[in-house]
Structures are given as C-alpha cells and as structure tokens.
Amino acid sequence: MRGSGRGAASHATGPLPLPGGQANMTGARSSFGAPVGKGAAVGHRRFMFARPASARPRPDAIALWLMIVAFSVFLMVVVGGITRLTESGLSITRWEPISGMIPPLGEEAWRAQFDLYKASPQYEIQGHGMTLADFKAIFFWEYVHRLLGRLIGLAFALPLAWFAWRRAIPAGFGWKLGALFSLGALQGAIGWWMVASGLVDRPEVSHIRLAVHLLTALLILAGLIWVALDLKARARPPLLAIWALSLLFLQFLFGAYVAGLDAGYAFNTWPRMGEDWYPAGAEWLQPALRNFVDNPIMVQFVHRWLALPVAALAIWLGLRAWLGGLRMEAGALIGAICAQFLLGILTILSGVRLEIAVAHQGMAALLLAAMVTAAHRLGEKSA
C-alpha cells in the first residue's frame, strides 16, 4: 500500500537507535522520553558515572555488619572479665599494635617475654615462684584480649572503607559510623593507658582507668546496636528509657570499681554485709566523696543496692514494651535483668567464683543490648 510504503521508507531512512533506546539525531527522543543530542550526550555521560544499583545504600547489609561487630564486642567484654579475674592484664608489658599480633614463637621468645614480665611491679610483689608454664597461662588471656581488639578494629574499618568507597552509606549515617570508628580507636589507647598504670609502682591497674575502659566498650556496644536498628527505622527514645540507660551505666561504673578494687571479696554474704547492713567499723575516707570511688566497702555497698532501682526501671521499661506489643523485646529485657540480679548475688555468695563472675559481666553486656533494643523499638512508635 502507498501509505505503508511511506511509513516503511520513513522507518528505513530515520534515525538509527543507539543502546538504551537513544537516537542519533538532534530533536529525537530516547525510549525514556529524554531529548537526544548535545544535551542527551551530557545526560548519557552522567548516566555512565551515576552510582550503580549495586552501590546504592544497603541499610540491611550495613545493619547486619554492625550487629556482627556488636557480637564481637560482647565477646571482648567477656574475655576482658576473664583477663581481669585471672590477673592476666599485666602479663604483656609492651604495646606493639602490629608485631604484638604474633605470639611468642619458640622457647627463647617465651623466655624474653617472661623476663619483661619479671621486671614489672606485679611480678616483684606477687609473682615470685611463678614458672614459665604459669606465665603462659596468664599471657594467653591478655594476648587473646588484645588480639580480639585488633580483629574487631579490622572487622569495623575494612567494611566501613568498602561501604564508603561504594558510596553505599545512607545519608546521615556517615558521621555516626565515623564516630563509632573513632571511639573504637580511642578504646585501644585507653586499654594501654589502663595497663600502663600497673607497670609503674603498683601491681594493679587503676580502677578508675579500668572503669573508663569498660564503660567505653559498653558505650561502643550500645552505639553499634542503636545505629544498626536506626538503619531500619529511626527512633526517639522515651524519657523512661533515657533514665533507665543512664542509671544502668552508673551501675556499670560501680561494677568496674568493684572489680578494680577487688571489692567483691570483702563480703560473701547477702543481703547483709556480714552481720550489718553496712559494717560499723569500716574505714571512712576524707573527703567523703572519695568513699564512692576509693573505698572498697562503700563501692560494694552502692553496687549492691543501686541494682534495685536499676531493676525497677528496667522492668518498668519492659512492661511498657509489653503493653506496646513488643513481646519479644519485653521478655528479653525482663529476663536479662532478673538473670543479672541473680548472678550478682551468686557472685557475692560464691566468693567471686570465676565462672559466675564472668557470667555476671557477660550478662551485663546482654542486659545493655536488651535495654537498647527495647528503648529503640519503643522510640520507633513515637518518632
């Protein structure tokens, strides 16, 4: 047909399509409806350099990575508790961030490490009669503790660099991840700052520096979980959650003081401390505020009874979550606070038995994770 011929001729002599549906003449339009020509060439270049689909923000992948790192931090807290309770923290007397990843290889290397330890105040006061085998036992836990810290640093830094290079970090989260990375780097320096306090003139690390080290680890743990949950849904924590978390961190502070001052060994009775609620003949330091930092008996007393308001707020928060339909989060929080309270009592009654005391420290980290999760989920409903 004649009309068909014109249409066929027009099609035959018309613009040839380019990849992506674009035509090779000015004024034509691509299959996306954009003009083709000089402007289209610029648009095509922009399309070529646009972020590929595989590099676009992937909140689920980043959230999973952060949760894995959070679990690693939990393990670090547990190993840190073992290191403290076995008095292994001063067995490595040098901070060697790179070469320290390799343990002593061969008898000569072990002897060299042991000689370094013999020059420390801890060995001079407490370590006489220690054999090389005894040294290897305490060296093991401190080595594992430091190695785990290095591995956590790599497990955070390398994926962070990858996500940043791929431009896969959602808007508003770059500074949060950068802050967590900086806090982790600072934690390594705090760890050595703590150890160094026991290598000068006393066989134990400063309980204040120990507290800073532990609280920083728990702050990193809380931050990792919160940011991971934020990637799925933004939240504004209710006031009750803020109070509960603040009081919980205060309890962590006194728990670190108890550990650093060996205050847990002072009394192995509960609820009374011996025959009294507070020992009448206990030494009282001046000024009075020092007793809440340096007095082992007062520190244990506060840690015992501060647990009650912490538990009350945690259960209240759990009930709020339950009534809000967050049954799993509520059950985890209430279960964690009950288990932690019981483990605290058992730690005292057992005379700070190693496995119970370590479980108490590990459960503290799990309690924090449960409280942060419940607080975030409640906050999602009010955000």
Foldseek 3Di string as FASTA:
>chain_A
DVVVVVVVVCVVPDFDADPQQHTDDFPDAGPVGHTDDPVVVVVVVCVVPDQDPVLAADLLVLLVLLVVLLVLLLVLLLLVLLLLVLVLLQLQPDDDLPVLLDDQDDPVSLVVSNVVSCLFPQCVVPVPPDDSVNSVVSPVSNSVSSNSLSVSLCSLVVVLVVSVVSVRHDPPCNVLSVVLNVLSVVLVVLSVVQNVCCRPNHPAGALQSQLVNSLSSLVSSLSSNLVSVVSVFNFDFDPLLVVLLVLLSVLSSLVSLCSRQVLLLQALDPPPRPPHVQDPPADQDPPNVVCCRPPSRSSVSCSLPSLVVSLVSQLVLLVVLVVVVNPVLSVQLNVLSVVLNVLVSVCSNVSNDPVSVSVNSSSSSSNSSSSSVSRGVVRRVVD
